[in-house]
Amino acid sequence: MTTASPQSPGADPADDAAPADGQRPRNTSPGTPAAKPALFVASGATFLAVLDTTVVNIAFSDLRVDFPDASLSQLTWVVTAYTVVFAALLAVAGRVADVIGRKKLFVRSTALFTLASVLSGLAVDVPMLVGARALQGVAAAGMIPAALGLVLQHTPPARRQIAVGVWGAVGSMAAAVGPSLGGLLVDVWGWRSVFLINLPIGLAIVAIAARLASDAPSGRRYPDPVGTLALGLGIGGVVFGVTQGTEWGWGSVRVLALITGGAVLVVTALLLSRRHPSPAVEWDLWRNRVFAATNVSSLLFGAAMYAYLLSTLLFLNAVWGYGELKAGLAVTPGAFSAAVGAVVVGRRVGPRAQWAALAVGSTLFGASCAAMYLLLDAERAYLALWLPIGIVGGLGIGAALTAISNAATASLQPERFASGTGLLMTTRQVGGALGIAALAAILERYDVLDAEGYLRVFLACAIGALAAAAVAPAFRPRRDRAPQDA
């Protein structure tokens, strides 16, 4: 099995549009009317999936009122159940999308996500809510890789970079706007509205996606079931162990067992994948220098970004005394600037300059985190400091995430879009779990109202973002020779 290489400047775009079996997917000709609907439904589903990783955080106080007998550790499962299952199944779901067809998996996953959202909104106790959230995680893992695969399938090669830019902008906005949107919904209609709002949106997405032409199965086989099970349980164990480390204690038997056992299972899946004809983990994708570098940068940037998104809200709430809704609105300008950064990179930056876009975007984000560390304190200074710093940070986030996605998808063959996207998103989610764990470990040393702890987190985010920028030259196109398959 060969690995796709970045498209060379002189390559014929039509070559990239056709799968390996020589049959062009339906509705992929230039000017196809399916391109815009595919981008619309994929962006909408991605917005919902990413939104639900952050929007629930703001509903915690309301949940405690409705479920007074539930402990705080039980309520954290409302967040953890979603993120752990989501991260554990992303890589596997991407491969399944390539096997059975992206449209089929996308429609089924979106319908399941909508149903799970309704069950979450109607939950009568915490166990039911946690179970419904886990079901949401299963569905979200299927939606994300299938969504981008659907976009790339229906979009002409010449416009794929712009489409990825729009898709990335929506994902960036969802991550950043979650707190403000969640705060508004909870403030007006209560925590159940956070989930029930997904019903009309999900139904509309399913209805539009069902009208798209179906893509033919790629002919690839389902992944090794033993390796797949080991991979899913391993990633889930590591993410869950890291997530619970601060609460349970990093030296506790449960945390050590989860992290160690999860790591062993991941290694087992990797070893099994080296010899299996249909591996759970596609090693040959990582033999591609560009794809491997984008995964490293995705891990590092994900750690910095997720820690930043949570720590900014915590700082505004605990140190500056902002309420949940006010804190959410305060970070919203950064969400819109992230969308601007994503669209600019998608529309204006060429394929050979994506590495530079990542370097610039990560540096801007890192610089904004460093500015927060150096300039912020307990005295409120929203207009003078927070707003301009947040806008610059948002621009960097949008630019960097889009550059990573563009560079990764350009290195993949069309029939492997979904599986490659699944792996890329998995590394970002694992990085996010590590970033949140680092945040918790730092804040544990300080009083919750002490600004110093949050400033230390901002410094750690700056270091992570600059590390991602340092990886960028690794996927700079080589000019001395044409790209080759591994």
Protein backbone atom coordinates (compact mmCIF):
# COMPACT_ATOMS: atom_id res chain seq x y z
CA MET A 1 0.00 0.00 0.00
CA THR A 2 1.41 3.37 -0.97
CA THR A 3 1.05 6.67 0.76
CA ALA A 4 -0.32 9.74 -0.92
CA SER A 5 2.09 12.60 -1.41
CA PRO A 6 1.43 16.31 -1.53
CA GLN A 7 0.30 17.35 -4.95
CA SER A 8 3.15 18.84 -6.87
CA PRO A 9 2.68 22.25 -8.47
CA GLY A 10 2.63 20.75 -11.90
CA ALA A 11 0.27 17.91 -11.15
CA ASP A 12 -3.01 17.64 -12.98
CA PRO A 13 -5.84 18.38 -10.51
CA ALA A 14 -8.00 15.84 -12.30
CA ASP A 15 -5.64 13.11 -11.16
CA ASP A 16 -6.37 14.03 -7.58
CA ALA A 17 -10.10 13.98 -8.14
CA ALA A 18 -10.33 10.34 -9.16
CA PRO A 19 -10.06 7.41 -6.77
CA ALA A 20 -7.50 4.67 -7.18
CA ASP A 21 -9.99 2.45 -9.05
CA GLY A 22 -10.16 5.04 -11.82
CA GLN A 23 -13.83 5.83 -11.36
CA ARG A 24 -14.61 9.49 -10.70
CA PRO A 25 -17.03 10.03 -7.80
CA ARG A 26 -20.39 11.42 -8.77
CA ASN A 27 -20.88 15.18 -8.48
CA THR A 28 -17.18 16.06 -8.34
CA SER A 29 -16.90 17.91 -11.63
CA PRO A 30 -16.09 21.60 -11.55
CA GLY A 31 -19.14 23.68 -10.83
CA THR A 32 -21.11 20.77 -9.37
CA PRO A 33 -24.28 21.88 -7.59
CA ALA A 34 -23.54 19.36 -4.81
CA ALA A 35 -20.43 21.20 -3.57
CA LYS A 36 -22.24 23.91 -1.61
CA PRO A 37 -24.85 21.63 0.03
CA ALA A 38 -22.08 19.20 1.00
CA LEU A 39 -20.05 21.99 2.57
CA PHE A 40 -23.15 23.34 4.32
CA VAL A 41 -24.18 20.07 5.95
CA ALA A 42 -20.60 19.11 6.81
CA SER A 43 -19.96 22.48 8.42
CA GLY A 44 -23.24 22.34 10.32
CA ALA A 45 -22.55 18.87 11.70
CA THR A 46 -19.00 19.81 12.63
CA PHE A 47 -20.28 22.89 14.41
CA LEU A 48 -22.61 20.73 16.52
CA ALA A 49 -19.96 18.13 17.32
CA VAL A 50 -17.30 20.65 18.34
CA LEU A 51 -19.83 22.85 20.14
CA ASP A 52 -20.88 19.97 22.36
CA THR A 53 -17.31 19.51 23.62
CA THR A 54 -17.41 22.94 25.30
CA VAL A 55 -21.00 24.13 25.61
CA VAL A 56 -21.86 21.83 28.54
CA ASN A 57 -19.18 23.33 30.80
CA ILE A 58 -21.27 26.44 31.26
CA ALA A 59 -24.33 24.42 32.38
CA PHE A 60 -22.68 22.86 35.43
CA SER A 61 -24.31 25.16 37.98
CA ASP A 62 -27.77 24.46 36.56
CA LEU A 63 -27.09 20.72 36.54
CA ARG A 64 -26.19 20.82 40.23
CA VAL A 65 -29.48 22.55 40.99
CA ASP A 66 -31.55 19.97 39.07
CA PHE A 67 -29.58 17.00 40.42
CA PRO A 68 -28.71 18.00 43.99
CA ASP A 69 -27.95 14.41 45.05
CA ALA A 70 -25.25 13.98 42.38
CA SER A 71 -21.64 14.60 43.38
CA LEU A 72 -19.36 16.87 41.40
CA SER A 73 -17.36 13.85 40.23
CA GLN A 74 -20.55 12.28 38.86
CA LEU A 75 -21.44 15.46 37.01
CA THR A 76 -17.99 15.67 35.41
CA TRP A 77 -18.91 12.47 33.60
CA VAL A 78 -21.41 14.53 31.62
CA VAL A 79 -18.39 16.13 29.93
CA THR A 80 -15.95 13.23 30.16
CA ALA A 81 -18.27 10.59 28.67
CA TYR A 82 -18.54 12.62 25.47
CA THR A 83 -14.90 13.58 25.06
CA VAL A 84 -13.47 10.15 25.88
CA VAL A 85 -15.75 8.22 23.51
CA PHE A 86 -15.31 10.88 20.82
CA ALA A 87 -11.51 10.65 20.97
CA ALA A 88 -11.46 6.85 21.19
CA LEU A 89 -13.55 6.24 18.05
CA LEU A 90 -12.39 9.01 15.68
CA ALA A 91 -9.64 7.05 13.96
CA VAL A 92 -11.78 3.94 13.57
CA ALA A 93 -14.78 5.89 12.31
CA GLY A 94 -12.67 7.54 9.61
CA ARG A 95 -11.70 4.15 8.23
CA VAL A 96 -15.31 2.93 8.34
CA ALA A 97 -16.40 6.02 6.37
CA ASP A 98 -13.93 5.15 3.61
CA VAL A 99 -15.17 1.55 3.56
CA ILE A 100 -18.97 1.92 3.57
CA GLY A 101 -19.22 5.39 2.05
CA ARG A 102 -18.97 8.84 3.60
CA LYS A 103 -22.56 9.85 2.93
CA LYS A 104 -23.98 6.70 4.52
CA LEU A 105 -21.92 7.08 7.71
CA PHE A 106 -22.52 10.82 7.83
CA VAL A 107 -26.32 10.58 7.60
CA ARG A 108 -26.53 7.73 10.11
CA SER A 109 -24.16 9.43 12.56
CA THR A 110 -25.96 12.77 12.35
CA ALA A 111 -29.31 11.09 12.94
CA LEU A 112 -27.87 9.25 15.95
CA PHE A 113 -26.34 12.48 17.28
CA THR A 114 -29.72 14.20 17.01
CA LEU A 115 -31.45 11.35 18.85
CA ALA A 116 -28.78 11.33 21.58
CA SER A 117 -29.17 15.10 21.97
CA VAL A 118 -32.90 14.70 22.56
CA LEU A 119 -32.25 11.93 25.10
CA SER A 120 -29.75 14.21 26.87
CA GLY A 121 -32.25 17.05 27.01
CA LEU A 122 -34.95 14.75 28.41
CA ALA A 123 -32.69 12.98 30.94
CA VAL A 124 -34.38 12.37 34.28
CA ASP A 125 -31.21 11.51 36.20
CA VAL A 126 -27.43 11.71 35.89
CA PRO A 127 -26.86 8.10 34.68
CA MET A 128 -29.29 8.65 31.80
CA LEU A 129 -27.62 11.94 30.93
CA VAL A 130 -24.13 10.39 31.00
CA GLY A 131 -25.30 7.47 28.82
CA ALA A 132 -26.86 9.83 26.30
CA ARG A 133 -23.68 11.91 26.23
CA ALA A 134 -21.61 8.80 25.52
CA LEU A 135 -23.98 8.01 22.64
CA GLN A 136 -23.43 11.56 21.38
CA GLY A 137 -19.68 10.88 21.44
CA VAL A 138 -20.13 7.75 19.30
CA ALA A 139 -22.16 9.72 16.77
CA ALA A 140 -19.80 12.71 16.74
CA ALA A 141 -16.85 10.42 16.02
CA GLY A 142 -18.66 9.23 12.91
CA MET A 143 -19.76 12.70 11.80
CA ILE A 144 -16.44 14.53 11.82
CA PRO A 145 -14.26 12.42 9.47
CA ALA A 146 -17.23 11.60 7.24
CA ALA A 147 -18.09 15.32 7.04
CA LEU A 148 -14.73 16.43 5.70
CA GLY A 149 -14.55 13.39 3.42
CA LEU A 150 -17.97 14.37 2.03
CA VAL A 151 -16.79 17.93 1.35
CA LEU A 152 -13.62 16.82 -0.40
CA GLN A 153 -15.49 14.23 -2.46
CA HIS A 154 -18.01 16.72 -3.82
CA THR A 155 -15.66 19.70 -4.23
CA PRO A 156 -13.51 20.15 -7.36
CA PRO A 157 -9.77 19.86 -6.59
CA ALA A 158 -9.15 23.52 -7.44
CA ARG A 159 -11.57 24.64 -4.73
CA ARG A 160 -10.84 22.09 -2.01
CA GLN A 161 -8.48 24.38 -0.12
CA ILE A 162 -11.16 27.08 0.12
CA ALA A 163 -13.72 24.51 1.26
CA VAL A 164 -11.37 23.26 3.97
CA GLY A 165 -10.87 26.88 5.04
CA VAL A 166 -14.61 27.39 5.47
CA TRP A 167 -14.96 24.05 7.28
CA GLY A 168 -12.07 24.98 9.56
CA ALA A 169 -13.59 28.39 10.25
CA VAL A 170 -16.82 26.80 11.40
CA GLY A 171 -14.94 24.40 13.69
CA SER A 172 -12.89 27.24 15.15
CA MET A 173 -15.97 29.33 15.80
CA ALA A 174 -17.79 26.42 17.44
CA ALA A 175 -14.95 25.82 19.91
CA ALA A 176 -14.74 29.47 20.88
CA VAL A 177 -18.41 30.49 20.73
CA GLY A 178 -19.56 27.50 22.80
CA PRO A 179 -19.29 29.25 26.18
CA SER A 180 -21.18 32.38 25.10
CA LEU A 181 -23.90 30.46 23.26
CA GLY A 182 -24.19 27.99 26.13
CA GLY A 183 -24.36 30.81 28.65
CA LEU A 184 -27.17 32.48 26.72
CA LEU A 185 -29.19 29.28 26.35
CA VAL A 186 -28.76 28.28 29.98
CA ASP A 187 -29.57 31.79 31.20
CA VAL A 188 -32.83 31.98 29.21
CA TRP A 189 -34.12 28.40 28.92
CA GLY A 190 -32.05 26.24 31.27
CA TRP A 191 -29.48 23.50 30.68
CA ARG A 192 -31.80 21.22 28.69
CA SER A 193 -31.92 23.76 25.86
CA VAL A 194 -28.18 23.19 25.27
CA PHE A 195 -29.08 19.74 23.95
CA LEU A 196 -32.58 20.24 22.55
CA ILE A 197 -31.41 23.01 20.21
CA ASN A 198 -29.60 20.28 18.26
CA LEU A 199 -32.92 18.69 17.23
CA PRO A 200 -34.07 21.11 14.49
CA ILE A 201 -30.51 21.65 13.26
CA GLY A 202 -29.76 17.93 13.15
CA LEU A 203 -32.99 17.12 11.29
CA ALA A 204 -32.27 19.82 8.70
CA ILE A 205 -28.74 18.50 8.15
CA VAL A 206 -29.99 14.92 7.69
CA ALA A 207 -32.68 16.04 5.23
CA ILE A 208 -30.19 17.95 3.05
CA ALA A 209 -27.45 15.31 3.24
CA ALA A 210 -29.88 12.56 2.22
CA ARG A 211 -30.35 14.32 -1.13
CA LEU A 212 -26.64 14.24 -1.98
CA ALA A 213 -25.44 11.57 -4.38
CA SER A 214 -24.03 8.52 -2.65
CA ASP A 215 -20.36 7.76 -3.02
CA ALA A 216 -19.42 4.25 -4.07
CA PRO A 217 -17.63 2.16 -1.42
CA SER A 218 -13.87 2.35 -1.89
CA GLY A 219 -13.48 -1.41 -1.99
CA ARG A 220 -11.25 -1.36 1.08
CA ARG A 221 -11.82 -3.87 3.85
CA TYR A 222 -13.01 -3.22 7.39
CA PRO A 223 -10.11 -2.78 9.82
CA ASP A 224 -8.81 -5.64 11.96
CA PRO A 225 -11.43 -6.04 14.75
CA VAL A 226 -8.88 -7.00 17.43
CA GLY A 227 -6.60 -4.07 16.62
CA THR A 228 -9.60 -1.74 16.36
CA LEU A 229 -10.87 -2.76 19.78
CA ALA A 230 -7.40 -2.37 21.28
CA LEU A 231 -7.00 1.07 19.68
CA GLY A 232 -10.38 2.37 20.84
CA LEU A 233 -10.00 1.08 24.39
CA GLY A 234 -6.40 2.26 24.55
CA ILE A 235 -7.06 5.83 23.44
CA GLY A 236 -10.15 5.97 25.64
CA GLY A 237 -8.18 4.72 28.64
CA VAL A 238 -5.35 7.22 28.20
CA VAL A 239 -7.71 10.17 27.64
CA PHE A 240 -9.90 9.19 30.58
CA GLY A 241 -6.92 8.66 32.88
CA VAL A 242 -5.39 12.01 31.96
CA THR A 243 -8.77 13.74 32.33
CA GLN A 244 -9.33 12.33 35.82
CA GLY A 245 -5.73 12.67 37.01
CA THR A 246 -6.22 15.80 39.07
CA GLU A 247 -9.46 14.68 40.68
CA TRP A 248 -8.39 11.12 41.54
CA GLY A 249 -4.71 11.90 42.12
CA TRP A 250 -1.90 11.25 39.65
CA GLY A 251 -0.47 8.54 41.87
CA SER A 252 -3.80 6.74 42.39
CA VAL A 253 -4.15 3.15 41.26
CA ARG A 254 -7.09 3.99 38.99
CA VAL A 255 -5.27 6.73 37.08
CA LEU A 256 -2.06 4.73 36.71
CA ALA A 257 -4.01 1.66 35.58
CA LEU A 258 -5.95 3.65 32.98
CA ILE A 259 -2.94 5.45 31.53
CA THR A 260 -0.59 2.45 31.62
CA GLY A 261 -3.21 -0.01 30.40
CA GLY A 262 -4.34 2.38 27.69
CA ALA A 263 -0.77 2.91 26.49
CA VAL A 264 -0.19 -0.86 26.36
CA LEU A 265 -3.35 -1.34 24.30
CA VAL A 266 -2.37 1.43 21.87
CA VAL A 267 1.08 -0.11 21.41
CA THR A 268 -0.59 -3.50 20.89
CA ALA A 269 -2.83 -2.01 18.20
CA LEU A 270 0.19 -0.45 16.50
CA LEU A 271 2.11 -3.73 16.53
CA LEU A 272 -0.87 -5.66 15.17
CA SER A 273 -1.30 -3.06 12.44
CA ARG A 274 2.22 -3.59 11.12
CA ARG A 275 1.38 -7.07 9.83
CA HIS A 276 -2.37 -7.14 9.29
CA PRO A 277 -3.54 -6.73 5.66
CA SER A 278 -6.35 -4.43 6.83
CA PRO A 279 -4.84 -2.66 9.85
CA ALA A 280 -6.64 -0.67 12.52
CA VAL A 281 -3.91 1.99 12.29
CA GLU A 282 -2.67 2.82 8.82
CA TRP A 283 1.07 3.03 9.36
CA ASP A 284 1.76 4.01 5.79
CA LEU A 285 -0.06 7.32 6.28
CA TRP A 286 2.53 8.28 8.87
CA ARG A 287 5.37 7.34 6.55
CA ASN A 288 4.35 10.39 4.60
CA ARG A 289 6.52 13.22 5.97
CA VAL A 290 3.81 15.87 5.57
CA PHE A 291 1.01 13.87 7.15
CA ALA A 292 3.21 12.81 10.07
CA ALA A 293 4.27 16.42 10.69
CA THR A 294 0.67 17.66 10.62
CA ASN A 295 -0.23 15.08 13.28
CA VAL A 296 2.59 16.25 15.54
CA SER A 297 1.58 19.88 15.13
CA SER A 298 -2.08 18.94 15.69
CA LEU A 299 -1.17 17.26 18.99
CA LEU A 300 0.86 20.23 20.25
CA PHE A 301 -1.54 22.90 19.05
CA GLY A 302 -4.56 21.00 20.37
CA ALA A 303 -3.00 20.86 23.84
CA ALA A 304 -2.36 24.61 23.86
CA MET A 305 -5.70 25.58 22.34
CA TYR A 306 -8.00 23.52 24.58
CA ALA A 307 -6.16 24.64 27.71
CA TYR A 308 -6.40 28.25 26.53
CA LEU A 309 -10.12 28.09 25.77
CA LEU A 310 -10.95 26.77 29.23
CA SER A 311 -8.44 28.85 31.21
CA THR A 312 -9.62 32.14 29.70
CA LEU A 313 -13.17 31.47 30.90
CA LEU A 314 -11.95 30.40 34.32
CA PHE A 315 -9.81 33.54 34.62
CA LEU A 316 -12.66 35.86 33.69
CA ASN A 317 -15.02 34.11 36.09
CA ALA A 318 -12.74 33.58 39.10
CA VAL A 319 -10.30 36.50 38.92
CA TRP A 320 -12.26 39.27 37.22
CA GLY A 321 -15.61 38.19 38.68
CA TYR A 322 -17.49 37.91 35.39
CA GLY A 323 -20.69 35.83 35.39
CA GLU A 324 -20.96 32.85 33.04
CA LEU A 325 -22.83 34.75 30.33
CA LYS A 326 -20.60 37.82 30.52
CA ALA A 327 -17.46 35.66 30.40
CA GLY A 328 -18.80 33.81 27.37
CA LEU A 329 -19.56 37.05 25.57
CA ALA A 330 -16.14 38.43 26.48
CA VAL A 331 -14.35 35.66 24.53
CA THR A 332 -16.72 35.80 21.53
CA PRO A 333 -14.65 38.36 19.52
CA GLY A 334 -11.86 35.80 19.48
CA ALA A 335 -14.27 33.29 17.94
CA PHE A 336 -15.07 35.61 15.05
CA SER A 337 -11.42 36.51 14.48
CA ALA A 338 -10.65 32.76 14.40
CA ALA A 339 -13.18 32.42 11.58
CA VAL A 340 -11.50 35.30 9.73
CA GLY A 341 -8.08 33.68 10.11
CA ALA A 342 -9.41 30.36 8.82
CA VAL A 343 -11.06 31.88 5.76
CA VAL A 344 -8.01 34.00 4.90
CA VAL A 345 -5.73 30.96 4.96
CA GLY A 346 -8.26 28.88 3.03
CA ARG A 347 -8.71 31.48 0.29
CA ARG A 348 -5.40 33.32 0.09
CA VAL A 349 -2.61 30.93 1.04
CA GLY A 350 -1.38 28.52 -1.61
CA PRO A 351 -0.71 24.80 -1.02
CA ARG A 352 3.06 25.27 -0.83
CA ALA A 353 2.76 27.98 1.82
CA GLN A 354 0.56 26.14 4.33
CA TRP A 355 3.60 25.46 6.51
CA ALA A 356 4.18 29.22 6.71
CA ALA A 357 0.52 29.79 7.61
CA LEU A 358 0.88 27.33 10.49
CA ALA A 359 4.11 28.97 11.63
CA VAL A 360 2.56 32.46 11.57
CA GLY A 361 -0.75 31.36 13.09
CA SER A 362 0.87 29.39 15.91
CA THR A 363 3.28 32.24 16.60
CA LEU A 364 0.41 34.76 16.79
CA PHE A 365 -1.47 32.49 19.16
CA GLY A 366 1.64 31.86 21.25
CA ALA A 367 2.41 35.57 21.38
CA SER A 368 -1.11 36.37 22.58
CA CYS A 369 -0.80 33.76 25.35
CA ALA A 370 2.57 35.22 26.34
CA ALA A 371 1.04 38.72 26.38
CA MET A 372 -1.66 37.48 28.75
CA TYR A 373 1.00 36.02 31.02
CA LEU A 374 3.01 39.25 31.04
CA LEU A 375 0.27 41.90 31.07
CA LEU A 376 -2.84 40.59 32.84
CA ASP A 377 -3.46 40.70 36.57
CA ALA A 378 -6.39 40.93 38.98
CA GLU A 379 -7.28 44.43 37.76
CA ARG A 380 -9.84 44.39 34.96
CA ALA A 381 -8.63 45.74 31.63
CA TYR A 382 -10.95 44.29 29.01
CA LEU A 383 -10.84 46.96 26.28
CA ALA A 384 -7.22 47.92 26.80
CA LEU A 385 -5.73 44.41 27.02
CA TRP A 386 -8.09 41.47 26.83
CA LEU A 387 -9.96 42.40 23.64
CA PRO A 388 -6.95 43.10 21.36
CA ILE A 389 -5.00 40.13 22.74
CA GLY A 390 -8.01 37.84 22.27
CA ILE A 391 -8.54 38.99 18.68
CA VAL A 392 -4.91 38.30 17.78
CA GLY A 393 -5.09 34.91 19.49
CA GLY A 394 -8.25 34.04 17.59
CA LEU A 395 -6.65 34.95 14.26
CA GLY A 396 -3.77 32.63 15.09
CA ILE A 397 -6.05 29.76 16.08
CA GLY A 398 -8.09 29.97 12.88
CA ALA A 399 -5.04 30.27 10.65
CA ALA A 400 -3.14 27.42 12.31
CA LEU A 401 -6.01 24.92 12.41
CA THR A 402 -6.88 25.53 8.77
CA ALA A 403 -3.25 25.22 7.67
CA ILE A 404 -2.92 21.89 9.48
CA SER A 405 -6.10 20.56 7.86
CA ASN A 406 -5.13 21.84 4.40
CA ALA A 407 -1.65 20.35 4.53
CA ALA A 408 -2.94 17.01 5.84
CA THR A 409 -5.71 16.60 3.26
CA ALA A 410 -3.38 17.63 0.41
CA SER A 411 -1.14 14.69 1.34
CA LEU A 412 -3.97 12.14 1.14
CA GLN A 413 -5.46 10.22 -1.76
CA PRO A 414 -9.20 10.92 -2.19
CA GLU A 415 -10.25 7.42 -1.11
CA ARG A 416 -8.45 7.97 2.22
CA PHE A 417 -9.75 11.43 3.10
CA ALA A 418 -11.98 10.25 5.94
CA SER A 419 -9.50 7.85 7.54
CA GLY A 420 -6.72 10.44 7.41
CA THR A 421 -9.00 13.09 8.88
CA GLY A 422 -9.98 10.70 11.66
CA LEU A 423 -6.34 10.17 12.64
CA LEU A 424 -5.64 13.90 12.52
CA MET A 425 -8.62 14.71 14.73
CA THR A 426 -7.63 11.93 17.13
CA THR A 427 -4.22 13.50 17.73
CA ARG A 428 -5.89 16.88 18.34
CA GLN A 429 -8.32 15.38 20.86
CA VAL A 430 -5.54 13.52 22.68
CA GLY A 431 -3.54 16.76 22.72
CA GLY A 432 -6.58 18.56 24.11
CA ALA A 433 -6.90 16.02 26.94
CA LEU A 434 -3.22 16.49 27.78
CA GLY A 435 -3.63 20.27 27.72
CA ILE A 436 -6.62 20.18 30.08
CA ALA A 437 -4.71 17.84 32.40
CA ALA A 438 -1.75 20.23 32.43
CA LEU A 439 -4.13 23.11 33.20
CA ALA A 440 -5.63 21.22 36.13
CA ALA A 441 -2.20 20.26 37.46
CA ILE A 442 -1.02 23.88 37.39
CA LEU A 443 -4.17 25.34 38.94
CA GLU A 444 -4.12 22.73 41.69
CA ARG A 445 -1.10 24.51 43.21
CA TYR A 446 -2.87 27.86 43.56
CA ASP A 447 -5.98 29.28 45.16
CA VAL A 448 -8.92 29.31 42.75
CA LEU A 449 -9.11 33.13 43.01
CA ASP A 450 -5.37 33.66 42.55
CA ALA A 451 -4.48 35.15 39.17
CA GLU A 452 -0.99 33.64 39.26
CA GLY A 453 -2.22 30.10 38.54
CA TYR A 454 -4.09 31.15 35.39
CA LEU A 455 -1.12 33.22 34.22
CA ARG A 456 1.07 30.13 34.52
CA VAL A 457 -1.39 28.26 32.33
CA PHE A 458 -1.18 31.03 29.72
CA LEU A 459 2.59 30.66 29.74
CA ALA A 460 2.28 26.91 29.21
CA CYS A 461 -0.12 27.56 26.29
CA ALA A 462 2.43 29.93 24.75
CA ILE A 463 5.12 27.25 24.95
CA GLY A 464 2.83 24.66 23.35
CA ALA A 465 1.83 26.97 20.51
CA LEU A 466 5.42 27.92 19.76
CA ALA A 467 6.37 24.22 19.76
CA ALA A 468 3.69 23.66 17.10
CA ALA A 469 5.15 26.55 15.09
CA ALA A 470 8.58 24.92 15.29
CA VAL A 471 7.16 21.78 13.60
CA ALA A 472 5.82 23.77 10.63
CA PRO A 473 9.01 23.67 8.49
CA ALA A 474 8.84 19.86 8.61
CA PHE A 475 6.00 19.88 6.06
CA ARG A 476 7.46 22.56 3.86
CA PRO A 477 7.38 21.20 0.28
CA ARG A 478 10.75 20.06 -0.98
CA ARG A 479 11.82 21.91 -4.09
CA ASP A 480 14.74 19.75 -5.01
CA ARG A 481 12.64 16.80 -6.14
CA ALA A 482 9.05 15.91 -6.90
CA PRO A 483 6.97 14.36 -4.14
CA GLN A 484 7.07 10.59 -4.08
CA ASP A 485 4.94 7.95 -2.52
CA ALA A 486 6.37 6.26 0.52
